């Protein structure tokens, strides 16, 4: 199930949630061969961070800082997250702890 919004700016993640947009799979190879839909249907594990929440609170009430920031490239698990559709674009909400790694280049 996915929610639908008119603008991604209207969505602000809460607590330790991270709003990401997964990279789209290439539908054509470098040599110009078109790939079948079955080869591109599995989501790619890379994404760009669009927005982050303020962070969750520990047992003393202090905010635990987020491990990523807007614009970071990250590695995600193959499946999961909550889908959010904005127009034709699809975004996902993940918990900070579900992010596998930050990609530095």
PDB file of N, CA and C in Angstrom:
ATOM      1  N   UNK A   1       0.844  -1.170   0.000  1.00  0.00           N
ATOM      2  CA  UNK A   1       0.000   0.000   0.000  1.00  0.00           C
ATOM      3  C   UNK A   1       0.886   1.228   0.000  1.00  0.00           C
ATOM      4  N   UNK A   2       0.546   2.238  -0.796  1.00  0.00           N
ATOM      5  CA  UNK A   2       1.345   3.452  -0.841  1.00  0.00           C
ATOM      6  C   UNK A   2       0.458   4.680  -0.704  1.00  0.00           C
ATOM      7  N   UNK A   3       1.020   5.719  -0.115  1.00  0.00           N
ATOM      8  CA  UNK A   3       0.312   6.991   0.036  1.00  0.00           C
ATOM      9  C   UNK A   3       0.624   7.857  -1.175  1.00  0.00           C
ATOM     10  N   UNK A   4      -0.255   8.817  -1.468  1.00  0.00           N
ATOM     11  CA  UNK A   4      -0.047   9.699  -2.604  1.00  0.00           C
ATOM     12  C   UNK A   4      -0.096  11.150  -2.146  1.00  0.00           C
ATOM     13  N   UNK A   5       0.900  11.947  -2.560  1.00  0.00           N
ATOM     14  CA  UNK A   5       0.993  13.361  -2.222  1.00  0.00           C
ATOM     15  C   UNK A   5       1.203  14.154  -3.496  1.00  0.00           C
ATOM     16  N   UNK A   6       0.895  15.468  -3.456  1.00  0.00           N
ATOM     17  CA  UNK A   6       1.090  16.313  -4.623  1.00  0.00           C
ATOM     18  C   UNK A   6       2.521  16.824  -4.724  1.00  0.00           C
ATOM     19  N   UNK A   7       3.199  17.020  -3.570  1.00  0.00           N
ATOM     20  CA  UNK A   7       4.561  17.543  -3.565  1.00  0.00           C
ATOM     21  C   UNK A   7       5.378  16.830  -2.501  1.00  0.00           C
ATOM     22  N   UNK A   8       6.616  16.504  -2.823  1.00  0.00           N
ATOM     23  CA  UNK A   8       7.484  15.831  -1.864  1.00  0.00           C
ATOM     24  C   UNK A   8       7.848  16.777  -0.728  1.00  0.00           C
ATOM     25  N   UNK A   9       7.776  18.087  -0.959  1.00  0.00           N
ATOM     26  CA  UNK A   9       8.088  19.075   0.081  1.00  0.00           C
ATOM     27  C   UNK A   9       7.063  19.055   1.204  1.00  0.00           C
ATOM     28  N   UNK A  10       5.898  18.487   0.954  1.00  0.00           N
ATOM     29  CA  UNK A  10       4.863  18.432   1.988  1.00  0.00           C
ATOM     30  C   UNK A  10       5.097  17.283   2.971  1.00  0.00           C
ATOM     31  N   UNK A  11       6.122  16.493   2.754  1.00  0.00           N
ATOM     32  CA  UNK A  11       6.401  15.332   3.594  1.00  0.00           C
ATOM     33  C   UNK A  11       7.658  15.567   4.433  1.00  0.00           C
ATOM     34  N   UNK A  12       7.504  15.522   5.761  1.00  0.00           N
ATOM     35  CA  UNK A  12       8.628  15.695   6.691  1.00  0.00           C
ATOM     36  C   UNK A  12       8.719  14.433   7.549  1.00  0.00           C
ATOM     37  N   UNK A  13       9.818  13.672   7.440  1.00  0.00           N
ATOM     38  CA  UNK A  13       9.955  12.458   8.245  1.00  0.00           C
ATOM     39  C   UNK A  13       9.992  12.770   9.744  1.00  0.00           C
ATOM     40  N   UNK A  14       9.429  11.884  10.543  1.00  0.00           N
ATOM     41  CA  UNK A  14       9.437  12.032  11.993  1.00  0.00           C
ATOM     42  C   UNK A  14      10.461  11.092  12.610  1.00  0.00           C
ATOM     43  N   UNK A  15      10.892  11.429  13.817  1.00  0.00           N
ATOM     44  CA  UNK A  15      11.816  10.618  14.614  1.00  0.00           C
ATOM     45  C   UNK A  15      13.029  10.187  13.805  1.00  0.00           C
ATOM     46  N   UNK A  16      13.282   8.880  13.715  1.00  0.00           N
ATOM     47  CA  UNK A  16      14.483   8.394  13.023  1.00  0.00           C
ATOM     48  C   UNK A  16      14.168   7.855  11.629  1.00  0.00           C
ATOM     49  N   UNK A  17      13.189   8.463  10.976  1.00  0.00           N
ATOM     50  CA  UNK A  17      12.820   8.044   9.621  1.00  0.00           C
ATOM     51  C   UNK A  17      13.639   8.817   8.585  1.00  0.00           C
ATOM     52  N   UNK A  18      13.906   8.156   7.450  1.00  0.00           N
ATOM     53  CA  UNK A  18      14.678   8.734   6.352  1.00  0.00           C
ATOM     54  C   UNK A  18      13.875   8.558   5.069  1.00  0.00           C
ATOM     55  N   UNK A  19      13.658   9.650   4.346  1.00  0.00           N
ATOM     56  CA  UNK A  19      12.957   9.616   3.063  1.00  0.00           C
ATOM     57  C   UNK A  19      13.995   9.482   1.964  1.00  0.00           C
ATOM     58  N   UNK A  20      13.866   8.434   1.136  1.00  0.00           N
ATOM     59  CA  UNK A  20      14.848   8.172   0.080  1.00  0.00           C
ATOM     60  C   UNK A  20      14.164   7.966  -1.260  1.00  0.00           C
ATOM     61  N   UNK A  21      14.949   8.139  -2.307  1.00  0.00           N
ATOM     62  CA  UNK A  21      14.491   7.798  -3.653  1.00  0.00           C
ATOM     63  C   UNK A  21      15.499   6.812  -4.220  1.00  0.00           C
ATOM     64  N   UNK A  22      15.007   5.598  -4.515  1.00  0.00           N
ATOM     65  CA  UNK A  22      15.875   4.551  -5.068  1.00  0.00           C
ATOM     66  C   UNK A  22      16.305   4.925  -6.489  1.00  0.00           C
ATOM     67  N   UNK A  23      17.517   4.493  -6.860  1.00  0.00           N
ATOM     68  CA  UNK A  23      17.970   4.664  -8.236  1.00  0.00           C
ATOM     69  C   UNK A  23      17.153   3.742  -9.126  1.00  0.00           C
ATOM     70  N   UNK A  24      16.869   4.187 -10.313  1.00  0.00           N
ATOM     71  CA  UNK A  24      16.097   3.378 -11.259  1.00  0.00           C
ATOM     72  C   UNK A  24      17.039   2.458 -12.030  1.00  0.00           C
ATOM     73  N   UNK A  25      16.585   1.260 -12.266  1.00  0.00           N
ATOM     74  CA  UNK A  25      17.365   0.295 -13.051  1.00  0.00           C
ATOM     75  C   UNK A  25      17.399   0.738 -14.510  1.00  0.00           C
ATOM     76  N   UNK A  26      18.535   0.560 -15.138  1.00  0.00           N
ATOM     77  CA  UNK A  26      18.680   0.888 -16.556  1.00  0.00           C
ATOM     78  C   UNK A  26      17.837  -0.085 -17.384  1.00  0.00           C
ATOM     79  N   UNK A  27      17.129   0.452 -18.358  1.00  0.00           N
ATOM     80  CA  UNK A  27      16.323  -0.404 -19.221  1.00  0.00           C
ATOM     81  C   UNK A  27      17.040  -0.710 -20.531  1.00  0.00           C
ATOM     82  N   UNK A  28      18.224  -0.096 -20.708  1.00  0.00           N
ATOM     83  CA  UNK A  28      18.990  -0.301 -21.929  1.00  0.00           C
ATOM     84  C   UNK A  28      20.465  -0.424 -21.558  1.00  0.00           C
ATOM     85  N   UNK A  29      21.174  -1.347 -22.188  1.00  0.00           N
ATOM     86  CA  UNK A  29      22.603  -1.518 -21.917  1.00  0.00           C
ATOM     87  C   UNK A  29      23.403  -0.432 -22.625  1.00  0.00           C
ATOM     88  N   UNK A  30      24.698  -0.366 -22.332  1.00  0.00           N
ATOM     89  CA  UNK A  30      25.580   0.624 -22.953  1.00  0.00           C
ATOM     90  C   UNK A  30      25.673   0.424 -24.465  1.00  0.00           C
ATOM     91  N   UNK A  31      25.444  -0.802 -24.924  1.00  0.00           N
ATOM     92  CA  UNK A  31      25.507  -1.080 -26.360  1.00  0.00           C
ATOM     93  C   UNK A  31      24.160  -0.889 -27.058  1.00  0.00           C
ATOM     94  N   UNK A  32      23.122  -0.478 -26.300  1.00  0.00           N
ATOM     95  CA  UNK A  32      21.832  -0.183 -26.903  1.00  0.00           C
ATOM     96  C   UNK A  32      20.818  -1.309 -26.872  1.00  0.00           C
ATOM     97  N   UNK A  33      21.124  -2.394 -26.196  1.00  0.00           N
ATOM     98  CA  UNK A  33      20.191  -3.517 -26.112  1.00  0.00           C
ATOM     99  C   UNK A  33      19.175  -3.225 -25.003  1.00  0.00           C
ATOM    100  N   UNK A  34      17.893  -3.344 -25.324  1.00  0.00           N
ATOM    101  CA  UNK A  34      16.841  -3.121 -24.333  1.00  0.00           C
ATOM    102  C   UNK A  34      16.674  -4.364 -23.470  1.00  0.00           C
ATOM    103  N   UNK A  35      16.621  -4.159 -22.158  1.00  0.00           N
ATOM    104  CA  UNK A  35      16.480  -5.270 -21.214  1.00  0.00           C
ATOM    105  C   UNK A  35      15.011  -5.572 -20.969  1.00  0.00           C
ATOM    106  N   UNK A  36      14.655  -6.846 -20.792  1.00  0.00           N
ATOM    107  CA  UNK A  36      13.258  -7.182 -20.499  1.00  0.00           C
ATOM    108  C   UNK A  36      12.863  -6.675 -19.107  1.00  0.00           C
ATOM    109  N   UNK A  37      11.565  -6.470 -18.897  1.00  0.00           N
ATOM    110  CA  UNK A  37      11.077  -5.949 -17.627  1.00  0.00           C
ATOM    111  C   UNK A  37      11.450  -6.867 -16.464  1.00  0.00           C
ATOM    112  N   UNK A  38      11.502  -8.166 -16.703  1.00  0.00           N
ATOM    113  CA  UNK A  38      11.850  -9.110 -15.634  1.00  0.00           C
ATOM    114  C   UNK A  38      13.275  -8.889 -15.129  1.00  0.00           C
ATOM    115  N   UNK A  39      14.152  -8.362 -15.974  1.00  0.00           N
ATOM    116  CA  UNK A  39      15.535  -8.111 -15.571  1.00  0.00           C
ATOM    117  C   UNK A  39      15.681  -6.805 -14.793  1.00  0.00           C
ATOM    118  N   UNK A  40      14.709  -5.912 -14.891  1.00  0.00           N
ATOM    119  CA  UNK A  40      14.803  -4.604 -14.235  1.00  0.00           C
ATOM    120  C   UNK A  40      13.746  -4.399 -13.161  1.00  0.00           C
ATOM    121  N   UNK A  41      12.997  -5.449 -12.820  1.00  0.00           N
ATOM    122  CA  UNK A  41      11.901  -5.290 -11.865  1.00  0.00           C
ATOM    123  C   UNK A  41      12.363  -5.295 -10.410  1.00  0.00           C
ATOM    124  N   UNK A  42      13.511  -5.900 -10.120  1.00  0.00           N
ATOM    125  CA  UNK A  42      14.005  -5.934  -8.748  1.00  0.00           C
ATOM    126  C   UNK A  42      14.602  -4.566  -8.399  1.00  0.00           C
ATOM    127  N   UNK A  43      14.243  -3.991  -7.225  1.00  0.00           N
ATOM    128  CA  UNK A  43      14.745  -2.660  -6.892  1.00  0.00           C
ATOM    129  C   UNK A  43      16.258  -2.659  -6.656  1.00  0.00           C
ATOM    130  N   UNK A  44      16.898  -1.567  -7.058  1.00  0.00           N
ATOM    131  CA  UNK A  44      18.334  -1.434  -6.831  1.00  0.00           C
ATOM    132  C   UNK A  44      18.582  -1.087  -5.364  1.00  0.00           C
ATOM    133  N   UNK A  45      19.711  -1.517  -4.816  1.00  0.00           N
ATOM    134  CA  UNK A  45      19.973  -1.272  -3.396  1.00  0.00           C
ATOM    135  C   UNK A  45      20.465   0.142  -3.093  1.00  0.00           C
ATOM    136  N   UNK A  46      20.750   0.949  -4.116  1.00  0.00           N
ATOM    137  CA  UNK A  46      21.243   2.311  -3.894  1.00  0.00           C
ATOM    138  C   UNK A  46      20.112   3.318  -3.920  1.00  0.00           C
ATOM    139  N   UNK A  47      20.281   4.392  -3.121  1.00  0.00           N
ATOM    140  CA  UNK A  47      19.270   5.449  -3.077  1.00  0.00           C
ATOM    141  C   UNK A  47      19.926   6.764  -2.680  1.00  0.00           C
ATOM    142  N   UNK A  48      19.194   7.848  -2.910  1.00  0.00           N
ATOM    143  CA  UNK A  48      19.609   9.176  -2.481  1.00  0.00           C
ATOM    144  C   UNK A  48      18.687   9.619  -1.352  1.00  0.00           C
ATOM    145  N   UNK A  49      19.270  10.188  -0.294  1.00  0.00           N
ATOM    146  CA  UNK A  49      18.481  10.687   0.832  1.00  0.00           C
ATOM    147  C   UNK A  49      17.840  12.013   0.439  1.00  0.00           C
ATOM    148  N   UNK A  50      16.519  12.090   0.559  1.00  0.00           N
ATOM    149  CA  UNK A  50      15.765  13.293   0.220  1.00  0.00           C
ATOM    150  C   UNK A  50      15.524  14.146   1.461  1.00  0.00           C
ATOM    151  N   UNK A  51      15.179  13.521   2.585  1.00  0.00           N
ATOM    152  CA  UNK A  51      14.921  14.244   3.834  1.00  0.00           C
ATOM    153  C   UNK A  51      15.141  13.301   5.012  1.00  0.00           C
ATOM    154  N   UNK A  52      15.498  13.864   6.162  1.00  0.00           N
ATOM    155  CA  UNK A  52      15.695  13.064   7.372  1.00  0.00           C
ATOM    156  C   UNK A  52      14.924  13.681   8.531  1.00  0.00           C
ATOM    157  N   UNK A  53      14.499  12.821   9.442  1.00  0.00           N
ATOM    158  CA  UNK A  53      13.838  13.284  10.655  1.00  0.00           C
ATOM    159  C   UNK A  53      14.870  13.789  11.648  1.00  0.00           C
ATOM    160  N   UNK A  54      14.426  14.321  12.776  1.00  0.00           N
ATOM    161  CA  UNK A  54      15.351  14.866  13.772  1.00  0.00           C
ATOM    162  C   UNK A  54      16.134  13.799  14.537  1.00  0.00           C
ATOM    163  N   UNK A  55      15.650  12.578  14.564  1.00  0.00           N
ATOM    164  CA  UNK A  55      16.300  11.500  15.298  1.00  0.00           C
ATOM    165  C   UNK A  55      15.409  10.992  16.411  1.00  0.00           C
ATOM    166  N   UNK A  56      15.613   9.749  16.806  1.00  0.00           N
ATOM    167  CA  UNK A  56      14.832   9.147  17.892  1.00  0.00           C
ATOM    168  C   UNK A  56      15.409   9.613  19.231  1.00  0.00           C
ATOM    169  N   UNK A  57      14.640   9.415  20.281  1.00  0.00           N
ATOM    170  CA  UNK A  57      15.096   9.783  21.623  1.00  0.00           C
ATOM    171  C   UNK A  57      15.538   8.529  22.367  1.00  0.00           C
ATOM    172  N   UNK A  58      16.600   8.672  23.168  1.00  0.00           N
ATOM    173  CA  UNK A  58      17.040   7.551  23.999  1.00  0.00           C
ATOM    174  C   UNK A  58      16.221   7.522  25.284  1.00  0.00           C
ATOM    175  N   UNK A  59      16.557   6.615  26.203  1.00  0.00           N
ATOM    176  CA  UNK A  59      15.757   6.465  27.420  1.00  0.00           C
ATOM    177  C   UNK A  59      15.826   7.680  28.343  1.00  0.00           C
ATOM    178  N   UNK A  60      16.860   8.534  28.161  1.00  0.00           N
ATOM    179  CA  UNK A  60      16.979   9.757  28.961  1.00  0.00           C
ATOM    180  C   UNK A  60      16.312  10.950  28.288  1.00  0.00           C
ATOM    181  N   UNK A  61      15.747  10.746  27.110  1.00  0.00           N
ATOM    182  CA  UNK A  61      15.062  11.819  26.393  1.00  0.00           C
ATOM    183  C   UNK A  61      15.957  12.630  25.469  1.00  0.00           C
ATOM    184  N   UNK A  62      17.224  12.256  25.352  1.00  0.00           N
ATOM    185  CA  UNK A  62      18.139  12.969  24.459  1.00  0.00           C
ATOM    186  C   UNK A  62      17.985  12.439  23.042  1.00  0.00           C
ATOM    187  N   UNK A  63      18.086  13.342  22.077  1.00  0.00           N
ATOM    188  CA  UNK A  63      17.955  12.948  20.670  1.00  0.00           C
ATOM    189  C   UNK A  63      19.229  12.261  20.200  1.00  0.00           C
ATOM    190  N   UNK A  64      19.060  11.090  19.596  1.00  0.00           N
ATOM    191  CA  UNK A  64      20.171  10.349  18.993  1.00  0.00           C
ATOM    192  C   UNK A  64      20.346  10.898  17.581  1.00  0.00           C
ATOM    193  N   UNK A  65      21.528  11.441  17.245  1.00  0.00           N
ATOM    194  CA  UNK A  65      21.704  12.039  15.917  1.00  0.00           C
ATOM    195  C   UNK A  65      21.567  11.001  14.792  1.00  0.00           C
ATOM    196  N   UNK A  66      21.099  11.473  13.658  1.00  0.00           N
ATOM    197  CA  UNK A  66      20.929  10.610  12.483  1.00  0.00           C
ATOM    198  C   UNK A  66      22.299  10.322  11.867  1.00  0.00           C
ATOM    199  N   UNK A  67      22.429   9.166  11.235  1.00  0.00           N
ATOM    200  CA  UNK A  67      23.706   8.776  10.637  1.00  0.00           C
ATOM    201  C   UNK A  67      23.846   9.252   9.189  1.00  0.00           C
ATOM    202  N   UNK A  68      22.762   9.766   8.603  1.00  0.00           N
ATOM    203  CA  UNK A  68      22.807  10.269   7.225  1.00  0.00           C
ATOM    204  C   UNK A  68      22.213  11.667   7.177  1.00  0.00           C
ATOM    205  N   UNK A  69      22.497  12.370   6.071  1.00  0.00           N
ATOM    206  CA  UNK A  69      21.924  13.698   5.873  1.00  0.00           C
ATOM    207  C   UNK A  69      21.389  13.809   4.446  1.00  0.00           C
ATOM    208  N   UNK A  70      20.624  14.833   4.183  1.00  0.00           N
ATOM    209  CA  UNK A  70      20.053  15.046   2.857  1.00  0.00           C
ATOM    210  C   UNK A  70      21.161  15.090   1.809  1.00  0.00           C
ATOM    211  N   UNK A  71      20.945  14.370   0.711  1.00  0.00           N
ATOM    212  CA  UNK A  71      21.907  14.331  -0.386  1.00  0.00           C
ATOM    213  C   UNK A  71      22.858  13.153  -0.345  1.00  0.00           C
ATOM    214  N   UNK A  72      22.957  12.439   0.777  1.00  0.00           N
ATOM    215  CA  UNK A  72      23.836  11.272   0.868  1.00  0.00           C
ATOM    216  C   UNK A  72      23.362  10.155  -0.048  1.00  0.00           C
ATOM    217  N   UNK A  73      24.324   9.397  -0.602  1.00  0.00           N
ATOM    218  CA  UNK A  73      24.013   8.163  -1.332  1.00  0.00           C
ATOM    219  C   UNK A  73      24.155   7.036  -0.339  1.00  0.00           C
ATOM    220  N   UNK A  74      23.168   6.142  -0.311  1.00  0.00           N
ATOM    221  CA  UNK A  74      23.154   5.076   0.690  1.00  0.00           C
ATOM    222  C   UNK A  74      22.877   3.722   0.056  1.00  0.00           C
ATOM    223  N   UNK A  75      23.174   2.689   0.820  1.00  0.00           N
ATOM    224  CA  UNK A  75      22.906   1.303   0.422  1.00  0.00           C
ATOM    225  C   UNK A  75      21.770   0.793   1.295  1.00  0.00           C
ATOM    226  N   UNK A  76      20.728   0.258   0.669  1.00  0.00           N
ATOM    227  CA  UNK A  76      19.530  -0.202   1.366  1.00  0.00           C
ATOM    228  C   UNK A  76      19.380  -1.713   1.253  1.00  0.00           C
ATOM    229  N   UNK A  77      18.565  -2.303   2.145  1.00  0.00           N
ATOM    230  CA  UNK A  77      18.232  -3.722   1.959  1.00  0.00           C
ATOM    231  C   UNK A  77      17.420  -3.878   0.671  1.00  0.00           C
ATOM    232  N   UNK A  78      17.410  -5.068   0.097  1.00  0.00           N
ATOM    233  CA  UNK A  78      16.718  -5.307  -1.171  1.00  0.00           C
ATOM    234  C   UNK A  78      15.244  -4.971  -1.146  1.00  0.00           C
ATOM    235  N   UNK A  79      14.582  -5.195  -0.028  1.00  0.00           N
ATOM    236  CA  UNK A  79      13.150  -4.939   0.084  1.00  0.00           C
ATOM    237  C   UNK A  79      12.874  -4.213   1.389  1.00  0.00           C
ATOM    238  N   UNK A  80      11.715  -3.608   1.494  1.00  0.00           N
ATOM    239  CA  UNK A  80      11.333  -2.942   2.737  1.00  0.00           C
ATOM    240  C   UNK A  80      11.030  -1.481   2.512  1.00  0.00           C
ATOM    241  N   UNK A  81      10.804  -0.787   3.605  1.00  0.00           N
ATOM    242  CA  UNK A  81      10.456   0.628   3.527  1.00  0.00           C
ATOM    243  C   UNK A  81       8.984   0.803   3.198  1.00  0.00           C
ATOM    244  N   UNK A  82       8.484   1.989   3.470  1.00  0.00           N
ATOM    245  CA  UNK A  82       7.095   2.324   3.157  1.00  0.00           C
ATOM    246  C   UNK A  82       7.080   3.171   1.894  1.00  0.00           C
ATOM    247  N   UNK A  83       6.357   2.729   0.874  1.00  0.00           N
ATOM    248  CA  UNK A  83       6.317   3.422  -0.410  1.00  0.00           C
ATOM    249  C   UNK A  83       5.430   4.663  -0.341  1.00  0.00           C
ATOM    250  N   UNK A  84       5.895   5.739  -0.981  1.00  0.00           N
ATOM    251  CA  UNK A  84       5.143   6.992  -1.079  1.00  0.00           C
ATOM    252  C   UNK A  84       5.230   7.441  -2.529  1.00  0.00           C
ATOM    253  N   UNK A  85       4.094   7.673  -3.141  1.00  0.00           N
ATOM    254  CA  UNK A  85       4.061   8.066  -4.544  1.00  0.00           C
ATOM    255  C   UNK A  85       3.754   9.554  -4.648  1.00  0.00           C
ATOM    256  N   UNK A  86       4.584  10.275  -5.405  1.00  0.00           N
ATOM    257  CA  UNK A  86       4.387  11.701  -5.662  1.00  0.00           C
ATOM    258  C   UNK A  86       4.393  11.860  -7.177  1.00  0.00           C
ATOM    259  N   UNK A  87       3.218  12.060  -7.751  1.00  0.00           N
ATOM    260  CA  UNK A  87       3.108  12.085  -9.207  1.00  0.00           C
ATOM    261  C   UNK A  87       3.500  10.729  -9.749  1.00  0.00           C
ATOM    262  N   UNK A  88       4.484  10.690 -10.627  1.00  0.00           N
ATOM    263  CA  UNK A  88       4.977   9.431 -11.181  1.00  0.00           C
ATOM    264  C   UNK A  88       6.199   8.910 -10.422  1.00  0.00           C
ATOM    265  N   UNK A  89       6.750   9.719  -9.523  1.00  0.00           N
ATOM    266  CA  UNK A  89       7.943   9.332  -8.773  1.00  0.00           C
ATOM    267  C   UNK A  89       7.573   8.529  -7.528  1.00  0.00           C
ATOM    268  N   UNK A  90       8.431   7.574  -7.166  1.00  0.00           N
ATOM    269  CA  UNK A  90       8.195   6.760  -5.980  1.00  0.00           C
ATOM    270  C   UNK A  90       9.342   6.956  -4.990  1.00  0.00           C
ATOM    271  N   UNK A  91       8.984   7.206  -3.746  1.00  0.00           N
ATOM    272  CA  UNK A  91       9.929   7.416  -2.657  1.00  0.00           C
ATOM    273  C   UNK A  91       9.654   6.370  -1.583  1.00  0.00           C
ATOM    274  N   UNK A  92      10.604   6.220  -0.642  1.00  0.00           N
ATOM    275  CA  UNK A  92      10.439   5.247   0.433  1.00  0.00           C
ATOM    276  C   UNK A  92      10.874   5.857   1.753  1.00  0.00           C
ATOM    277  N   UNK A  93      10.188   5.462   2.826  1.00  0.00           N
ATOM    278  CA  UNK A  93      10.573   5.839   4.187  1.00  0.00           C
ATOM    279  C   UNK A  93      11.204   4.625   4.859  1.00  0.00           C
ATOM    280  N   UNK A  94      12.426   4.789   5.341  1.00  0.00           N
ATOM    281  CA  UNK A  94      13.133   3.751   6.070  1.00  0.00           C
ATOM    282  C   UNK A  94      13.509   4.291   7.444  1.00  0.00           C
ATOM    283  N   UNK A  95      13.696   3.410   8.409  1.00  0.00           N
ATOM    284  CA  UNK A  95      14.264   3.810   9.693  1.00  0.00           C
ATOM    285  C   UNK A  95      15.773   3.944   9.493  1.00  0.00           C
ATOM    286  N   UNK A  96      16.372   4.841  10.253  1.00  0.00           N
ATOM    287  CA  UNK A  96      17.808   5.061  10.164  1.00  0.00           C
ATOM    288  C   UNK A  96      18.584   3.754  10.380  1.00  0.00           C
ATOM    289  N   UNK A  97      18.110   2.923  11.288  1.00  0.00           N
ATOM    290  CA  UNK A  97      18.800   1.664  11.597  1.00  0.00           C
ATOM    291  C   UNK A  97      18.704   0.635  10.471  1.00  0.00           C
ATOM    292  N   UNK A  98      17.791   0.808   9.520  1.00  0.00           N
ATOM    293  CA  UNK A  98      17.646  -0.131   8.406  1.00  0.00           C
ATOM    294  C   UNK A  98      18.631   0.157   7.272  1.00  0.00           C
ATOM    295  N   UNK A  99      19.248   1.339   7.279  1.00  0.00           N
ATOM    296  CA  UNK A  99      20.202   1.699   6.232  1.00  0.00           C
ATOM    297  C   UNK A  99      21.480   0.906   6.453  1.00  0.00           C
ATOM    298  N   UNK A 100      21.957   0.248   5.385  1.00  0.00           N
ATOM    299  CA  UNK A 100      23.109  -0.642   5.507  1.00  0.00           C
ATOM    300  C   UNK A 100      24.437   0.097   5.498  1.00  0.00           C
ATOM    301  N   UNK A 101      24.569   1.133   4.643  1.00  0.00           N
ATOM    302  CA  UNK A 101      25.849   1.834   4.533  1.00  0.00           C
ATOM    303  C   UNK A 101      25.667   3.159   3.810  1.00  0.00           C
ATOM    304  N   UNK A 102      26.634   4.057   4.008  1.00  0.00           N
ATOM    305  CA  UNK A 102      26.732   5.307   3.267  1.00  0.00           C
ATOM    306  C   UNK A 102      27.745   5.102   2.168  1.00  0.00           C
ATOM    307  N   UNK A 103      27.470   5.588   0.969  1.00  0.00           N
ATOM    308  CA  UNK A 103      28.389   5.427  -0.167  1.00  0.00           C
ATOM    309  C   UNK A 103      29.160   6.733  -0.313  1.00  0.00           C
ATOM    310  N   UNK A 104      30.483   6.657  -0.172  1.00  0.00           N
ATOM    311  CA  UNK A 104      31.339   7.839  -0.315  1.00  0.00           C
ATOM    312  C   UNK A 104      32.120   7.731  -1.614  1.00  0.00           C
ATOM    313  N   UNK A 105      32.015   8.761  -2.432  1.00  0.00           N
ATOM    314  CA  UNK A 105      32.769   8.775  -3.705  1.00  0.00           C
ATOM    315  C   UNK A 105      33.355  10.138  -3.918  1.00  0.00           C
TER     316      UNK A 105
END
